[in-house]
Amino acid sequence: MADQEIKQEAPKEDWMQKKWRPAMGWMYMVVCFCDMVIFPVAWSILQAVLKQPVTQWNPLTLQGAGLFHLAMGAVLGIAAWGRTQEKVAGASTVGTSVTPPTPAGLPPSVTPAAAPPRPPMTRPAPVAARPVDDDEPPFNPRHRDE
């Protein structure tokens, strides 16, 4: 029994807690595809079959000044930012650890030599201003030569 390894089970996450971000992305993609591709084609076909004058499809997601797209952009953007913060903090997955790869031929206990220092960053020299000609009027972007 001493040879057997005791495994502790990680607390199981609810599937909704684990999969809500990809589900939101897929849902948004399906809604946009339907509203911008499927529904306009079906709308035109329906009008042609019923022998009515064909009118343009008005996308449902653009009603109300496109608030749906703004809201989904915010939800998906904040979710992606939050996921990035989780990965940076090392909380990408419960129970797993990521070790950086070692160069070939070195045992894991040996660390490679430090990289050479980078040269200091310098700014480019400022560009000299063009000499001003007294006979030339100042530039006015609203002025048009016709």
C-alpha atoms as a PDB file:
ATOM      1  CA  MET A   1       0.000   0.000   0.000  1.00  0.00           C
ATOM      2  CA  ALA A   2       2.959   2.322   0.539  1.00  0.00           C
ATOM      3  CA  ASP A   3       3.836   1.964  -3.150  1.00  0.00           C
ATOM      4  CA  GLN A   4       0.470   3.237  -4.241  1.00  0.00           C
ATOM      5  CA  GLU A   5       0.216   6.879  -4.896  1.00  0.00           C
ATOM      6  CA  ILE A   6      -2.586   8.744  -3.203  1.00  0.00           C
ATOM      7  CA  LYS A   7      -4.260  10.971  -5.719  1.00  0.00           C
ATOM      8  CA  GLN A   8      -6.241  13.949  -4.631  1.00  0.00           C
ATOM      9  CA  GLU A   9      -9.014  14.923  -6.948  1.00  0.00           C
ATOM     10  CA  ALA A  10      -9.165  18.534  -7.930  1.00  0.00           C
ATOM     11  CA  PRO A  11     -12.485  20.167  -7.134  1.00  0.00           C
ATOM     12  CA  LYS A  12     -14.712  19.737 -10.165  1.00  0.00           C
ATOM     13  CA  GLU A  13     -15.775  22.913 -11.853  1.00  0.00           C
ATOM     14  CA  ASP A  14     -19.300  23.296 -13.088  1.00  0.00           C
ATOM     15  CA  TRP A  15     -19.377  22.890 -16.886  1.00  0.00           C
ATOM     16  CA  MET A  16     -21.026  26.288 -17.266  1.00  0.00           C
ATOM     17  CA  GLN A  17     -18.305  27.987 -15.235  1.00  0.00           C
ATOM     18  CA  LYS A  18     -15.632  26.304 -17.333  1.00  0.00           C
ATOM     19  CA  LYS A  19     -17.180  26.762 -20.794  1.00  0.00           C
ATOM     20  CA  TRP A  20     -19.054  30.077 -20.668  1.00  0.00           C
ATOM     21  CA  ARG A  21     -16.394  32.086 -22.530  1.00  0.00           C
ATOM     22  CA  PRO A  22     -16.210  29.828 -25.586  1.00  0.00           C
ATOM     23  CA  ALA A  23     -20.005  29.456 -25.502  1.00  0.00           C
ATOM     24  CA  MET A  24     -20.413  33.252 -25.646  1.00  0.00           C
ATOM     25  CA  GLY A  25     -18.038  33.468 -28.615  1.00  0.00           C
ATOM     26  CA  TRP A  26     -19.814  30.681 -30.524  1.00  0.00           C
ATOM     27  CA  MET A  27     -23.225  32.161 -29.731  1.00  0.00           C
ATOM     28  CA  TYR A  28     -22.166  35.578 -31.007  1.00  0.00           C
ATOM     29  CA  MET A  29     -20.735  34.053 -34.190  1.00  0.00           C
ATOM     30  CA  VAL A  30     -23.926  32.042 -34.864  1.00  0.00           C
ATOM     31  CA  VAL A  31     -26.183  35.052 -34.225  1.00  0.00           C
ATOM     32  CA  CYS A  32     -24.133  37.257 -36.568  1.00  0.00           C
ATOM     33  CA  PHE A  33     -24.021  34.570 -39.280  1.00  0.00           C
ATOM     34  CA  CYS A  34     -27.782  34.060 -39.104  1.00  0.00           C
ATOM     35  CA  ASP A  35     -28.620  37.768 -39.001  1.00  0.00           C
ATOM     36  CA  MET A  36     -26.212  38.782 -41.757  1.00  0.00           C
ATOM     37  CA  VAL A  37     -26.279  35.735 -44.085  1.00  0.00           C
ATOM     38  CA  ILE A  38     -29.068  33.204 -43.490  1.00  0.00           C
ATOM     39  CA  PHE A  39     -31.984  35.511 -42.667  1.00  0.00           C
ATOM     40  CA  PRO A  40     -31.458  37.959 -45.600  1.00  0.00           C
ATOM     41  CA  VAL A  41     -31.395  35.079 -48.082  1.00  0.00           C
ATOM     42  CA  ALA A  42     -34.437  33.406 -46.505  1.00  0.00           C
ATOM     43  CA  TRP A  43     -36.262  36.775 -46.433  1.00  0.00           C
ATOM     44  CA  SER A  44     -35.670  37.324 -50.156  1.00  0.00           C
ATOM     45  CA  ILE A  45     -36.691  33.773 -51.059  1.00  0.00           C
ATOM     46  CA  LEU A  46     -39.858  34.039 -48.955  1.00  0.00           C
ATOM     47  CA  GLN A  47     -40.869  37.276 -50.662  1.00  0.00           C
ATOM     48  CA  ALA A  48     -40.190  35.831 -54.112  1.00  0.00           C
ATOM     49  CA  VAL A  49     -42.218  32.679 -53.347  1.00  0.00           C
ATOM     50  CA  LEU A  50     -45.148  34.747 -52.033  1.00  0.00           C
ATOM     51  CA  LYS A  51     -44.885  36.984 -55.125  1.00  0.00           C
ATOM     52  CA  GLN A  52     -44.446  40.150 -53.084  1.00  0.00           C
ATOM     53  CA  PRO A  53     -42.114  43.023 -53.902  1.00  0.00           C
ATOM     54  CA  VAL A  54     -38.663  42.164 -52.553  1.00  0.00           C
ATOM     55  CA  THR A  55     -37.563  44.488 -49.770  1.00  0.00           C
ATOM     56  CA  GLN A  56     -34.253  44.655 -47.985  1.00  0.00           C
ATOM     57  CA  TRP A  57     -33.672  42.664 -44.786  1.00  0.00           C
ATOM     58  CA  ASN A  58     -33.031  44.859 -41.754  1.00  0.00           C
ATOM     59  CA  PRO A  59     -30.584  43.039 -39.437  1.00  0.00           C
ATOM     60  CA  LEU A  60     -32.102  42.515 -36.016  1.00  0.00           C
ATOM     61  CA  THR A  61     -28.769  42.931 -34.245  1.00  0.00           C
ATOM     62  CA  LEU A  62     -28.356  46.419 -35.692  1.00  0.00           C
ATOM     63  CA  GLN A  63     -31.651  47.627 -34.239  1.00  0.00           C
ATOM     64  CA  GLY A  64     -31.200  50.051 -31.354  1.00  0.00           C
ATOM     65  CA  ALA A  65     -27.953  51.514 -32.748  1.00  0.00           C
ATOM     66  CA  GLY A  66     -26.194  48.130 -32.669  1.00  0.00           C
ATOM     67  CA  LEU A  67     -26.284  47.864 -28.882  1.00  0.00           C
ATOM     68  CA  PHE A  68     -26.128  44.056 -29.182  1.00  0.00           C
ATOM     69  CA  HIS A  69     -22.734  44.240 -30.923  1.00  0.00           C
ATOM     70  CA  LEU A  70     -21.427  46.782 -28.419  1.00  0.00           C
ATOM     71  CA  ALA A  71     -22.553  44.619 -25.497  1.00  0.00           C
ATOM     72  CA  MET A  72     -21.094  41.433 -26.970  1.00  0.00           C
ATOM     73  CA  GLY A  73     -17.839  43.232 -27.747  1.00  0.00           C
ATOM     74  CA  ALA A  74     -17.636  44.322 -24.120  1.00  0.00           C
ATOM     75  CA  VAL A  75     -18.478  40.857 -22.752  1.00  0.00           C
ATOM     76  CA  LEU A  76     -16.038  39.022 -25.024  1.00  0.00           C
ATOM     77  CA  GLY A  77     -13.317  41.644 -24.630  1.00  0.00           C
ATOM     78  CA  ILE A  78     -13.493  41.640 -20.835  1.00  0.00           C
ATOM     79  CA  ALA A  79     -13.667  37.826 -20.804  1.00  0.00           C
ATOM     80  CA  ALA A  80     -10.542  37.596 -22.965  1.00  0.00           C
ATOM     81  CA  TRP A  81      -8.751  40.135 -20.782  1.00  0.00           C
ATOM     82  CA  GLY A  82      -9.768  38.226 -17.648  1.00  0.00           C
ATOM     83  CA  ARG A  83      -8.555  34.937 -19.115  1.00  0.00           C
ATOM     84  CA  THR A  84      -5.238  36.541 -19.991  1.00  0.00           C
ATOM     85  CA  GLN A  85      -4.892  37.759 -16.408  1.00  0.00           C
ATOM     86  CA  GLU A  86      -5.621  34.239 -15.140  1.00  0.00           C
ATOM     87  CA  LYS A  87      -2.948  32.757 -17.388  1.00  0.00           C
ATOM     88  CA  VAL A  88      -0.412  35.389 -16.379  1.00  0.00           C
ATOM     89  CA  ALA A  89      -1.167  34.716 -12.712  1.00  0.00           C
ATOM     90  CA  GLY A  90      -0.635  30.986 -13.288  1.00  0.00           C
ATOM     91  CA  ALA A  91      -4.209  29.924 -12.676  1.00  0.00           C
ATOM     92  CA  SER A  92      -4.698  28.498 -16.167  1.00  0.00           C
ATOM     93  CA  THR A  93      -5.736  25.027 -14.995  1.00  0.00           C
ATOM     94  CA  VAL A  94      -6.216  23.474 -11.576  1.00  0.00           C
ATOM     95  CA  GLY A  95      -3.654  20.802 -10.741  1.00  0.00           C
ATOM     96  CA  THR A  96      -1.222  21.357 -13.605  1.00  0.00           C
ATOM     97  CA  SER A  97       2.068  23.152 -13.599  1.00  0.00           C
ATOM     98  CA  VAL A  98       3.960  24.396 -16.587  1.00  0.00           C
ATOM     99  CA  THR A  99       7.759  24.186 -16.563  1.00  0.00           C
ATOM    100  CA  PRO A 100       9.800  26.044 -19.118  1.00  0.00           C
ATOM    101  CA  PRO A 101      11.644  23.848 -21.615  1.00  0.00           C
ATOM    102  CA  THR A 102      15.357  23.264 -21.077  1.00  0.00           C
ATOM    103  CA  PRO A 103      17.869  23.347 -23.913  1.00  0.00           C
ATOM    104  CA  ALA A 104      18.660  19.965 -25.444  1.00  0.00           C
ATOM    105  CA  GLY A 105      21.397  18.053 -23.660  1.00  0.00           C
ATOM    106  CA  LEU A 106      21.081  19.837 -20.310  1.00  0.00           C
ATOM    107  CA  PRO A 107      19.529  18.174 -17.302  1.00  0.00           C
ATOM    108  CA  PRO A 108      16.581  20.084 -15.804  1.00  0.00           C
ATOM    109  CA  SER A 109      18.670  21.129 -12.779  1.00  0.00           C
ATOM    110  CA  VAL A 110      21.165  23.052 -14.942  1.00  0.00           C
ATOM    111  CA  THR A 111      20.064  26.480 -16.062  1.00  0.00           C
ATOM    112  CA  PRO A 112      21.473  28.020 -19.223  1.00  0.00           C
ATOM    113  CA  ALA A 113      23.800  31.000 -19.019  1.00  0.00           C
ATOM    114  CA  ALA A 114      22.205  34.405 -18.845  1.00  0.00           C
ATOM    115  CA  ALA A 115      21.553  36.138 -22.136  1.00  0.00           C
ATOM    116  CA  PRO A 116      23.880  39.009 -23.012  1.00  0.00           C
ATOM    117  CA  PRO A 117      22.542  42.415 -21.974  1.00  0.00           C
ATOM    118  CA  ARG A 118      20.675  44.412 -24.566  1.00  0.00           C
ATOM    119  CA  PRO A 119      22.128  47.701 -25.755  1.00  0.00           C
ATOM    120  CA  PRO A 120      20.321  50.760 -24.378  1.00  0.00           C
ATOM    121  CA  MET A 121      17.516  52.087 -26.510  1.00  0.00           C
ATOM    122  CA  THR A 122      18.144  55.428 -28.146  1.00  0.00           C
ATOM    123  CA  ARG A 123      15.734  57.845 -29.677  1.00  0.00           C
ATOM    124  CA  PRO A 124      16.175  58.928 -33.281  1.00  0.00           C
ATOM    125  CA  ALA A 125      17.497  62.426 -33.849  1.00  0.00           C
ATOM    126  CA  PRO A 126      14.748  65.017 -34.271  1.00  0.00           C
ATOM    127  CA  VAL A 127      13.990  66.078 -37.815  1.00  0.00           C
ATOM    128  CA  ALA A 128      14.854  69.674 -38.518  1.00  0.00           C
ATOM    129  CA  ALA A 129      11.952  71.899 -39.460  1.00  0.00           C
ATOM    130  CA  ARG A 130      11.695  73.109 -43.043  1.00  0.00           C
ATOM    131  CA  PRO A 131      12.910  76.692 -43.477  1.00  0.00           C
ATOM    132  CA  VAL A 132      10.070  79.176 -43.732  1.00  0.00           C
ATOM    133  CA  ASP A 133       9.755  81.151 -46.935  1.00  0.00           C
ATOM    134  CA  ASP A 134       8.391  84.648 -46.273  1.00  0.00           C
ATOM    135  CA  ASP A 135       6.666  84.774 -49.676  1.00  0.00           C
ATOM    136  CA  GLU A 136       4.705  81.552 -49.054  1.00  0.00           C
ATOM    137  CA  PRO A 137       1.414  81.842 -47.134  1.00  0.00           C
ATOM    138  CA  PRO A 138       0.998  79.559 -44.093  1.00  0.00           C
ATOM    139  CA  PHE A 139      -0.521  76.136 -44.726  1.00  0.00           C
ATOM    140  CA  ASN A 140      -4.281  76.068 -44.316  1.00  0.00           C
ATOM    141  CA  PRO A 141      -5.920  72.637 -44.759  1.00  0.00           C
ATOM    142  CA  ARG A 142      -9.307  74.266 -45.439  1.00  0.00           C
ATOM    143  CA  HIS A 143      -7.918  76.328 -48.321  1.00  0.00           C
ATOM    144  CA  ARG A 144      -8.419  74.756 -51.724  1.00  0.00           C
ATOM    145  CA  ASP A 145      -6.850  75.904 -54.924  1.00  0.00           C
ATOM    146  CA  GLU A 146      -9.419  75.690 -57.669  1.00  0.00           C
END
